């Protein structure tokens, strides 16, 4: 009986430790912005510049076929502030998606999902009023036959202006 209770207590402690280590880190430590940091980040974005998506940041490919191959869409972003903004990193939410950044005649990418290859630092400055293109390529066949149905993916652009910019797209994948 005592061994069972001790085993349960140890299990709870180990699980709690794992949860504690896996928690999101503050953005300054390369992690995700926690909800309690959002107000500070919003104020910071006002002071350091701002990236905006020139169209809706949620694109719908509609119905696409695995058999027809990859599809792509280009999002335009713009620095709408009076200060330069630096794009630090960019990555996708799934291995089926890659993204490339084009700004000032320079190309970065294609870049994919963390854990499926290196996510390089970009450290590219976008000057006030300057535009950049993010080409997103989605491979509907990447998940094989199990990948049919409605999907939604995200491209995240980390920058020094505060909150990361998220570009979303969706599609209905058919065989």
N, C-alpha and C. Protein backbone atom coordinates (compact mmCIF):
# COMPACT_ATOMS: atom_id res chain seq x y z
N UNK A 1 0.83 -1.19 0.00
CA UNK A 1 0.00 0.00 0.00
C UNK A 1 0.87 1.26 0.00
N UNK A 2 1.88 1.30 0.91
CA UNK A 2 2.76 2.47 1.00
C UNK A 2 3.57 2.64 -0.28
N UNK A 3 4.00 1.54 -0.91
CA UNK A 3 4.76 1.62 -2.16
C UNK A 3 3.90 2.20 -3.27
N UNK A 4 2.63 1.88 -3.28
CA UNK A 4 1.72 2.41 -4.30
C UNK A 4 1.56 3.91 -4.13
N UNK A 5 1.39 4.39 -2.93
CA UNK A 5 1.22 5.82 -2.67
C UNK A 5 2.49 6.57 -3.03
N UNK A 6 3.64 6.01 -2.64
CA UNK A 6 4.92 6.64 -2.97
C UNK A 6 5.11 6.68 -4.48
N UNK A 7 4.74 5.61 -5.17
CA UNK A 7 4.84 5.57 -6.64
C UNK A 7 3.96 6.62 -7.30
N UNK A 8 2.75 6.81 -6.78
CA UNK A 8 1.84 7.81 -7.34
C UNK A 8 2.42 9.21 -7.11
N UNK A 9 2.93 9.48 -5.92
CA UNK A 9 3.50 10.79 -5.61
C UNK A 9 4.70 11.07 -6.52
N UNK A 10 5.57 10.10 -6.69
CA UNK A 10 6.73 10.28 -7.57
C UNK A 10 6.28 10.52 -9.01
N UNK A 11 5.28 9.78 -9.46
CA UNK A 11 4.75 9.96 -10.82
C UNK A 11 4.20 11.37 -11.02
N UNK A 12 3.46 11.87 -10.03
CA UNK A 12 2.92 13.23 -10.12
C UNK A 12 4.05 14.26 -10.15
N UNK A 13 5.07 14.07 -9.34
CA UNK A 13 6.20 15.00 -9.34
C UNK A 13 6.95 14.99 -10.67
N UNK A 14 7.17 13.82 -11.22
CA UNK A 14 7.86 13.72 -12.52
C UNK A 14 7.02 14.39 -13.60
N UNK A 15 5.72 14.12 -13.64
CA UNK A 15 4.83 14.72 -14.63
C UNK A 15 4.81 16.24 -14.47
N UNK A 16 4.72 16.71 -13.23
CA UNK A 16 4.75 18.16 -12.97
C UNK A 16 6.05 18.79 -13.44
N UNK A 17 7.16 18.12 -13.22
CA UNK A 17 8.45 18.62 -13.68
C UNK A 17 8.52 18.70 -15.20
N UNK A 18 8.00 17.69 -15.87
CA UNK A 18 7.99 17.71 -17.34
C UNK A 18 7.13 18.86 -17.87
N UNK A 19 5.99 19.07 -17.25
CA UNK A 19 5.12 20.17 -17.67
C UNK A 19 5.81 21.51 -17.43
N UNK A 20 6.48 21.64 -16.29
CA UNK A 20 7.18 22.88 -15.99
C UNK A 20 8.28 23.16 -17.01
N UNK A 21 9.06 22.15 -17.38
CA UNK A 21 10.14 22.35 -18.35
C UNK A 21 9.60 22.61 -19.75
N UNK A 22 8.43 22.11 -20.09
CA UNK A 22 7.87 22.28 -21.43
C UNK A 22 7.06 23.55 -21.59
N UNK A 23 6.91 24.33 -20.52
CA UNK A 23 6.09 25.54 -20.59
C UNK A 23 6.68 26.53 -21.59
N UNK A 24 5.85 27.39 -22.17
CA UNK A 24 6.36 28.41 -23.09
C UNK A 24 7.31 29.35 -22.38
N UNK A 25 8.37 29.72 -23.07
CA UNK A 25 9.35 30.66 -22.52
C UNK A 25 9.01 32.06 -23.00
N UNK A 26 9.42 33.07 -22.28
CA UNK A 26 9.22 34.44 -22.77
C UNK A 26 9.88 34.61 -24.12
N UNK A 27 9.33 35.48 -24.95
CA UNK A 27 9.83 35.65 -26.31
C UNK A 27 11.29 36.04 -26.35
N UNK A 28 11.79 36.72 -25.34
CA UNK A 28 13.20 37.07 -25.30
C UNK A 28 14.10 35.86 -25.18
N UNK A 29 13.53 34.72 -24.76
CA UNK A 29 14.30 33.49 -24.64
C UNK A 29 14.02 32.55 -25.81
N UNK A 30 13.45 33.06 -26.90
CA UNK A 30 13.20 32.24 -28.07
C UNK A 30 11.93 31.43 -27.99
N UNK A 31 11.06 31.75 -27.05
CA UNK A 31 9.83 30.97 -26.90
C UNK A 31 8.62 31.71 -27.42
N UNK A 32 7.48 31.22 -27.04
CA UNK A 32 6.20 31.77 -27.45
C UNK A 32 5.82 32.86 -26.46
N UNK A 33 5.17 33.89 -26.94
CA UNK A 33 4.73 34.97 -26.06
C UNK A 33 3.58 34.47 -25.21
N UNK A 34 3.73 34.58 -23.90
CA UNK A 34 2.67 34.17 -22.99
C UNK A 34 1.60 35.25 -22.95
N UNK A 35 0.34 34.88 -22.61
CA UNK A 35 -0.73 35.88 -22.58
C UNK A 35 -0.43 37.07 -21.68
N UNK A 36 0.26 36.86 -20.55
CA UNK A 36 0.55 37.97 -19.65
C UNK A 36 1.60 38.92 -20.23
N UNK A 37 2.29 38.53 -21.31
CA UNK A 37 3.28 39.40 -21.94
C UNK A 37 2.70 40.16 -23.12
N UNK A 38 1.48 39.83 -23.54
CA UNK A 38 0.93 40.42 -24.74
C UNK A 38 0.78 41.93 -24.63
N UNK A 39 0.35 42.44 -23.49
CA UNK A 39 0.20 43.89 -23.35
C UNK A 39 1.55 44.59 -23.46
N UNK A 40 2.59 44.02 -22.85
CA UNK A 40 3.92 44.60 -22.97
C UNK A 40 4.40 44.56 -24.41
N UNK A 41 4.13 43.48 -25.12
CA UNK A 41 4.55 43.35 -26.50
C UNK A 41 3.80 44.32 -27.40
N UNK A 42 2.52 44.55 -27.13
CA UNK A 42 1.75 45.49 -27.95
C UNK A 42 2.32 46.90 -27.79
N UNK A 43 2.67 47.28 -26.57
CA UNK A 43 3.27 48.59 -26.35
C UNK A 43 4.62 48.67 -27.04
N UNK A 44 5.38 47.60 -26.98
CA UNK A 44 6.68 47.54 -27.62
C UNK A 44 6.55 47.67 -29.14
N UNK A 45 5.53 47.07 -29.73
CA UNK A 45 5.34 47.12 -31.17
C UNK A 45 5.11 48.56 -31.62
N UNK A 46 4.44 49.35 -30.81
CA UNK A 46 4.19 50.74 -31.16
C UNK A 46 5.50 51.52 -31.18
N UNK A 47 6.39 51.22 -30.28
CA UNK A 47 7.65 51.94 -30.20
C UNK A 47 8.67 51.48 -31.23
N UNK A 48 8.68 50.21 -31.58
CA UNK A 48 9.75 49.66 -32.41
C UNK A 48 9.39 49.49 -33.87
N UNK A 49 8.20 49.75 -34.28
CA UNK A 49 7.82 49.55 -35.66
C UNK A 49 6.67 48.58 -35.75
N UNK A 50 6.22 48.37 -36.98
CA UNK A 50 5.06 47.51 -37.15
C UNK A 50 5.05 46.89 -38.54
N UNK A 51 4.83 45.59 -38.59
CA UNK A 51 4.64 44.90 -39.85
C UNK A 51 3.16 44.60 -40.01
N UNK A 52 2.63 44.92 -41.17
CA UNK A 52 1.23 44.61 -41.44
C UNK A 52 1.13 43.79 -42.71
N UNK A 53 0.09 42.97 -42.75
CA UNK A 53 -0.19 42.17 -43.94
C UNK A 53 -1.09 43.01 -44.82
N UNK A 54 -0.71 43.19 -46.09
CA UNK A 54 -1.44 44.10 -46.97
C UNK A 54 -2.80 43.57 -47.40
N UNK A 55 -3.01 42.28 -47.31
CA UNK A 55 -4.31 41.69 -47.61
C UNK A 55 -4.73 40.93 -46.36
N UNK A 56 -5.84 40.25 -46.44
CA UNK A 56 -6.22 39.41 -45.30
C UNK A 56 -5.12 38.40 -45.06
N UNK A 57 -4.76 38.18 -43.78
CA UNK A 57 -3.69 37.23 -43.49
C UNK A 57 -4.22 35.80 -43.39
N UNK A 58 -5.41 35.56 -43.95
CA UNK A 58 -6.01 34.24 -43.94
C UNK A 58 -6.46 33.92 -45.36
N UNK A 59 -5.64 33.15 -46.09
CA UNK A 59 -5.92 32.83 -47.49
C UNK A 59 -6.54 31.44 -47.60
N UNK A 60 -7.53 31.29 -48.47
CA UNK A 60 -8.18 29.99 -48.68
C UNK A 60 -7.91 29.52 -50.10
N UNK A 61 -7.20 28.39 -50.23
CA UNK A 61 -6.95 27.81 -51.55
C UNK A 61 -8.20 27.18 -52.15
N UNK A 62 -9.22 26.96 -51.35
CA UNK A 62 -10.42 26.27 -51.81
C UNK A 62 -10.15 24.77 -51.84
N UNK A 63 -10.74 24.08 -52.80
CA UNK A 63 -10.55 22.64 -52.95
C UNK A 63 -9.36 22.39 -53.87
N UNK A 64 -8.40 21.60 -53.37
CA UNK A 64 -7.21 21.27 -54.16
C UNK A 64 -7.01 19.76 -54.18
N UNK A 65 -6.38 19.27 -55.23
CA UNK A 65 -6.18 17.84 -55.40
C UNK A 65 -4.73 17.45 -55.11
N UNK A 66 -4.56 16.36 -54.39
CA UNK A 66 -3.21 15.82 -54.16
C UNK A 66 -2.52 15.51 -55.49
N UNK A 67 -3.29 15.00 -56.43
CA UNK A 67 -2.74 14.56 -57.71
C UNK A 67 -2.18 15.71 -58.53
N UNK A 68 -2.63 16.93 -58.30
CA UNK A 68 -2.17 18.07 -59.10
C UNK A 68 -0.92 18.74 -58.55
N UNK A 69 -0.42 18.29 -57.41
CA UNK A 69 0.84 18.81 -56.87
C UNK A 69 0.68 20.03 -55.99
N UNK A 70 1.80 20.72 -55.80
CA UNK A 70 1.85 21.84 -54.85
C UNK A 70 1.06 23.05 -55.33
N UNK A 71 0.66 23.85 -54.35
CA UNK A 71 0.02 25.13 -54.62
C UNK A 71 0.79 26.20 -53.85
N UNK A 72 0.70 27.45 -54.32
CA UNK A 72 1.43 28.52 -53.63
C UNK A 72 0.60 29.79 -53.62
N UNK A 73 0.96 30.64 -52.67
CA UNK A 73 0.33 31.96 -52.55
C UNK A 73 1.38 32.91 -51.99
N UNK A 74 1.37 34.14 -52.47
CA UNK A 74 2.31 35.14 -51.98
C UNK A 74 1.57 36.18 -51.14
N UNK A 75 2.01 36.30 -49.89
CA UNK A 75 1.50 37.32 -48.99
C UNK A 75 2.44 38.52 -49.07
N UNK A 76 1.89 39.72 -49.03
CA UNK A 76 2.70 40.93 -49.00
C UNK A 76 2.61 41.52 -47.59
N UNK A 77 3.79 41.81 -47.03
CA UNK A 77 3.83 42.49 -45.73
C UNK A 77 4.53 43.83 -45.93
N UNK A 78 4.22 44.78 -45.04
CA UNK A 78 4.80 46.12 -45.18
C UNK A 78 5.12 46.67 -43.80
N UNK A 79 6.23 47.37 -43.73
CA UNK A 79 6.58 48.09 -42.52
C UNK A 79 5.84 49.42 -42.57
N UNK A 80 4.80 49.55 -41.75
CA UNK A 80 3.95 50.74 -41.77
C UNK A 80 4.34 51.76 -40.70
N UNK A 81 5.51 51.60 -40.14
CA UNK A 81 5.94 52.50 -39.07
C UNK A 81 7.03 53.43 -39.56
N UNK A 82 7.52 54.24 -38.65
CA UNK A 82 8.60 55.18 -38.94
C UNK A 82 9.97 54.60 -38.59
N UNK A 83 9.99 53.37 -38.07
CA UNK A 83 11.25 52.74 -37.67
C UNK A 83 11.45 51.43 -38.42
N UNK A 84 12.70 51.05 -38.61
CA UNK A 84 13.02 49.78 -39.27
C UNK A 84 12.58 48.61 -38.38
N UNK A 85 12.16 47.53 -39.03
CA UNK A 85 11.78 46.30 -38.34
C UNK A 85 12.70 45.20 -38.86
N UNK A 86 13.20 44.38 -37.95
CA UNK A 86 14.07 43.27 -38.34
C UNK A 86 13.30 41.96 -38.24
N UNK A 87 13.25 41.22 -39.35
CA UNK A 87 12.68 39.88 -39.34
C UNK A 87 13.78 38.95 -38.83
N UNK A 88 13.53 38.32 -37.68
CA UNK A 88 14.54 37.46 -37.06
C UNK A 88 14.48 36.04 -37.58
N UNK A 89 13.28 35.45 -37.56
CA UNK A 89 13.09 34.07 -37.99
C UNK A 89 11.73 33.93 -38.65
N UNK A 90 11.60 32.87 -39.43
CA UNK A 90 10.34 32.54 -40.06
C UNK A 90 10.26 31.01 -40.09
N UNK A 91 9.06 30.47 -39.81
CA UNK A 91 8.90 29.02 -39.84
C UNK A 91 7.43 28.67 -40.06
N UNK A 92 7.20 27.42 -40.43
CA UNK A 92 5.84 26.96 -40.73
C UNK A 92 5.35 26.01 -39.64
N UNK A 93 4.05 25.77 -39.65
CA UNK A 93 3.45 24.92 -38.63
C UNK A 93 3.44 23.44 -39.01
N UNK A 94 3.84 23.12 -40.23
CA UNK A 94 3.78 21.72 -40.67
C UNK A 94 4.85 21.45 -41.72
N UNK A 95 5.30 20.23 -41.78
CA UNK A 95 6.34 19.85 -42.74
C UNK A 95 5.84 19.91 -44.18
N UNK A 96 4.53 19.99 -44.39
CA UNK A 96 3.96 20.04 -45.73
C UNK A 96 4.03 21.44 -46.33
N UNK A 97 4.54 22.39 -45.57
CA UNK A 97 4.54 23.79 -45.98
C UNK A 97 5.94 24.37 -45.88
N UNK A 98 6.31 25.18 -46.88
CA UNK A 98 7.55 25.95 -46.83
C UNK A 98 7.22 27.41 -47.12
N UNK A 99 8.09 28.29 -46.69
CA UNK A 99 7.90 29.72 -46.93
C UNK A 99 9.24 30.35 -47.30
N UNK A 100 9.18 31.33 -48.20
CA UNK A 100 10.37 32.07 -48.61
C UNK A 100 10.09 33.56 -48.48
N UNK A 101 11.08 34.30 -47.97
CA UNK A 101 10.97 35.74 -47.80
C UNK A 101 11.78 36.42 -48.89
N UNK A 102 11.19 37.42 -49.51
CA UNK A 102 11.87 38.22 -50.52
C UNK A 102 11.73 39.69 -50.13
N UNK A 103 12.87 40.34 -49.88
CA UNK A 103 12.84 41.75 -49.49
C UNK A 103 14.11 42.43 -49.98
N UNK A 104 13.94 43.58 -50.61
CA UNK A 104 15.08 44.36 -51.06
C UNK A 104 16.01 43.61 -51.99
N UNK A 105 15.48 42.75 -52.83
CA UNK A 105 16.29 41.98 -53.76
C UNK A 105 16.97 40.77 -53.15
N UNK A 106 16.74 40.51 -51.88
CA UNK A 106 17.33 39.35 -51.21
C UNK A 106 16.27 38.28 -51.01
N UNK A 107 16.69 37.02 -51.12
CA UNK A 107 15.79 35.87 -50.94
C UNK A 107 16.26 35.05 -49.75
N UNK A 108 15.31 34.62 -48.93
CA UNK A 108 15.58 33.76 -47.78
C UNK A 108 14.61 32.60 -47.84
N UNK A 109 15.13 31.38 -47.89
CA UNK A 109 14.24 30.22 -47.90
C UNK A 109 14.51 29.35 -49.09
N UNK A 110 13.74 28.31 -49.26
CA UNK A 110 12.53 27.99 -48.49
C UNK A 110 12.87 27.47 -47.08
N UNK A 111 12.01 27.86 -46.15
CA UNK A 111 12.16 27.49 -44.74
C UNK A 111 10.92 26.72 -44.34
N UNK A 112 11.11 25.67 -43.53
CA UNK A 112 10.00 24.80 -43.16
C UNK A 112 9.68 24.83 -41.68
N UNK A 113 9.33 23.67 -41.19
CA UNK A 113 8.88 23.49 -39.81
C UNK A 113 10.05 23.21 -38.88
N UNK A 114 10.04 23.80 -37.68
CA UNK A 114 11.08 23.45 -36.70
C UNK A 114 11.06 21.95 -36.42
N UNK A 115 12.23 21.37 -36.32
CA UNK A 115 12.31 19.94 -36.07
C UNK A 115 12.43 19.12 -37.34
N UNK A 116 12.17 19.75 -38.48
CA UNK A 116 12.30 19.07 -39.78
C UNK A 116 13.36 19.80 -40.61
N UNK A 117 14.45 20.13 -39.99
CA UNK A 117 15.52 20.87 -40.64
C UNK A 117 15.80 22.12 -39.82
N UNK A 118 16.92 22.73 -40.09
CA UNK A 118 17.33 23.92 -39.36
C UNK A 118 16.44 25.11 -39.71
N UNK A 119 16.14 25.92 -38.73
CA UNK A 119 15.43 27.18 -38.95
C UNK A 119 16.46 28.29 -38.78
N UNK A 120 16.95 28.80 -39.91
CA UNK A 120 18.04 29.78 -39.82
C UNK A 120 17.55 31.15 -39.34
N UNK A 121 18.44 31.89 -38.73
CA UNK A 121 18.14 33.29 -38.41
C UNK A 121 18.19 34.06 -39.72
N UNK A 122 17.25 34.94 -39.91
CA UNK A 122 17.20 35.75 -41.12
C UNK A 122 17.85 37.10 -40.87
N UNK A 123 17.43 37.76 -39.79
CA UNK A 123 17.96 39.07 -39.40
C UNK A 123 17.98 40.05 -40.57
N UNK A 124 16.86 40.12 -41.28
CA UNK A 124 16.73 41.03 -42.42
C UNK A 124 15.91 42.25 -42.02
N UNK A 125 16.46 43.43 -42.29
CA UNK A 125 15.80 44.68 -41.96
C UNK A 125 14.79 45.04 -43.05
N UNK A 126 13.59 45.44 -42.61
CA UNK A 126 12.59 46.00 -43.51
C UNK A 126 12.43 47.45 -43.09
N UNK A 127 12.82 48.36 -43.97
CA UNK A 127 12.83 49.78 -43.66
C UNK A 127 11.42 50.36 -43.66
N UNK A 128 11.22 51.52 -43.05
CA UNK A 128 9.90 52.15 -43.04
C UNK A 128 9.35 52.30 -44.46
N UNK A 129 8.11 51.87 -44.65
CA UNK A 129 7.45 51.95 -45.96
C UNK A 129 7.83 50.83 -46.92
N UNK A 130 8.81 50.02 -46.58
CA UNK A 130 9.27 48.95 -47.47
C UNK A 130 8.35 47.74 -47.39
N UNK A 131 8.20 47.07 -48.53
CA UNK A 131 7.38 45.87 -48.61
C UNK A 131 8.26 44.63 -48.76
N UNK A 132 7.70 43.51 -48.37
CA UNK A 132 8.36 42.21 -48.53
C UNK A 132 7.31 41.20 -48.97
N UNK A 133 7.74 40.17 -49.66
CA UNK A 133 6.85 39.09 -50.09
C UNK A 133 7.20 37.81 -49.35
N UNK A 134 6.16 37.10 -48.94
CA UNK A 134 6.32 35.79 -48.33
C UNK A 134 5.59 34.81 -49.25
N UNK A 135 6.36 33.98 -49.96
CA UNK A 135 5.74 32.96 -50.80
C UNK A 135 5.59 31.68 -49.98
N UNK A 136 4.35 31.21 -49.89
CA UNK A 136 4.02 30.01 -49.14
C UNK A 136 3.70 28.91 -50.14
N UNK A 137 4.35 27.75 -49.97
CA UNK A 137 4.11 26.60 -50.84
C UNK A 137 3.60 25.45 -49.98
N UNK A 138 2.45 24.90 -50.38
CA UNK A 138 1.82 23.80 -49.66
C UNK A 138 1.79 22.57 -50.56
N UNK A 139 2.25 21.44 -50.01
CA UNK A 139 2.23 20.16 -50.73
C UNK A 139 1.10 19.30 -50.16
N UNK A 140 -0.03 19.21 -50.87
CA UNK A 140 -1.17 18.46 -50.34
C UNK A 140 -0.92 16.96 -50.24
N UNK A 141 0.10 16.45 -50.93
CA UNK A 141 0.38 15.02 -50.90
C UNK A 141 1.36 14.64 -49.79
N UNK A 142 1.85 15.61 -49.04
CA UNK A 142 2.89 15.34 -48.04
C UNK A 142 2.43 14.36 -46.95
N UNK A 143 1.15 14.33 -46.66
CA UNK A 143 0.65 13.46 -45.59
C UNK A 143 0.06 12.16 -46.13
N UNK A 144 0.17 11.95 -47.42
CA UNK A 144 -0.35 10.72 -48.01
C UNK A 144 -1.86 10.66 -47.98
N UNK A 145 -2.41 9.46 -48.17
CA UNK A 145 -3.87 9.31 -48.25
C UNK A 145 -4.62 9.79 -47.00
N UNK A 146 -3.95 9.80 -45.85
CA UNK A 146 -4.62 10.24 -44.63
C UNK A 146 -4.77 11.77 -44.58
N UNK A 147 -4.15 12.47 -45.51
CA UNK A 147 -4.15 13.93 -45.47
C UNK A 147 -5.29 14.60 -46.20
N UNK A 148 -6.39 13.88 -46.47
CA UNK A 148 -7.52 14.49 -47.15
C UNK A 148 -8.43 15.20 -46.14
N UNK A 149 -9.17 16.17 -46.64
CA UNK A 149 -10.08 16.91 -45.78
C UNK A 149 -9.61 18.33 -45.59
N UNK A 150 -10.24 19.03 -44.69
CA UNK A 150 -9.93 20.45 -44.42
C UNK A 150 -8.63 20.56 -43.63
N UNK A 151 -7.77 21.46 -44.07
CA UNK A 151 -6.51 21.73 -43.38
C UNK A 151 -6.40 23.23 -43.11
N UNK A 152 -5.60 23.57 -42.12
CA UNK A 152 -5.24 24.96 -41.87
C UNK A 152 -3.79 24.97 -41.40
N UNK A 153 -2.99 25.83 -41.97
CA UNK A 153 -1.58 25.92 -41.63
C UNK A 153 -1.22 27.37 -41.35
N UNK A 154 -0.06 27.55 -40.70
CA UNK A 154 0.40 28.88 -40.29
C UNK A 154 1.86 29.07 -40.65
N UNK A 155 2.19 30.27 -41.08
CA UNK A 155 3.58 30.70 -41.22
C UNK A 155 3.78 31.80 -40.19
N UNK A 156 4.79 31.64 -39.34
CA UNK A 156 5.07 32.59 -38.28
C UNK A 156 6.33 33.38 -38.62
N UNK A 157 6.23 34.70 -38.49
CA UNK A 157 7.35 35.59 -38.76
C UNK A 157 7.71 36.30 -37.46
N UNK A 158 8.82 35.90 -36.86
CA UNK A 158 9.28 36.56 -35.63
C UNK A 158 10.06 37.81 -36.01
N UNK A 159 9.81 38.90 -35.29
CA UNK A 159 10.45 40.16 -35.59
C UNK A 159 10.67 40.96 -34.31
N UNK A 160 11.42 42.04 -34.41
CA UNK A 160 11.73 42.84 -33.23
C UNK A 160 10.65 43.87 -32.91
N UNK A 161 9.54 43.86 -33.63
CA UNK A 161 8.48 44.85 -33.41
C UNK A 161 7.43 44.37 -32.41
N UNK A 162 7.64 43.24 -31.82
CA UNK A 162 6.68 42.75 -30.83
C UNK A 162 6.12 41.39 -31.22
N UNK A 163 4.80 41.32 -31.29
CA UNK A 163 4.13 40.06 -31.59
C UNK A 163 4.57 39.50 -32.94
N UNK A 164 4.74 38.19 -33.04
CA UNK A 164 5.02 37.59 -34.35
C UNK A 164 3.84 37.81 -35.29
N UNK A 165 4.14 37.92 -36.57
CA UNK A 165 3.10 38.03 -37.59
C UNK A 165 2.76 36.60 -38.01
N UNK A 166 1.47 36.29 -38.05
CA UNK A 166 1.04 34.95 -38.46
C UNK A 166 0.25 35.05 -39.76
N UNK A 167 0.68 34.28 -40.74
CA UNK A 167 -0.01 34.18 -42.02
C UNK A 167 -0.70 32.83 -42.04
N UNK A 168 -1.99 32.81 -42.25
CA UNK A 168 -2.77 31.58 -42.21
C UNK A 168 -3.27 31.23 -43.60
N UNK A 169 -3.37 29.93 -43.86
CA UNK A 169 -4.06 29.51 -45.07
C UNK A 169 -4.80 28.22 -44.79
N UNK A 170 -5.80 27.98 -45.62
CA UNK A 170 -6.63 26.80 -45.47
C UNK A 170 -6.89 26.20 -46.83
N UNK A 171 -7.35 24.96 -46.86
CA UNK A 171 -7.72 24.28 -48.10
C UNK A 171 -8.53 23.04 -47.74
N UNK A 172 -9.23 22.55 -48.72
CA UNK A 172 -9.87 21.24 -48.62
C UNK A 172 -9.11 20.34 -49.58
N UNK A 173 -8.43 19.33 -49.05
CA UNK A 173 -7.58 18.45 -49.85
C UNK A 173 -8.39 17.22 -50.28
N UNK A 174 -8.35 16.96 -51.59
CA UNK A 174 -9.00 15.77 -52.14
C UNK A 174 -7.94 14.87 -52.77
N UNK A 175 -8.26 13.58 -52.94
CA UNK A 175 -7.27 12.69 -53.57
C UNK A 175 -7.00 13.11 -54.98
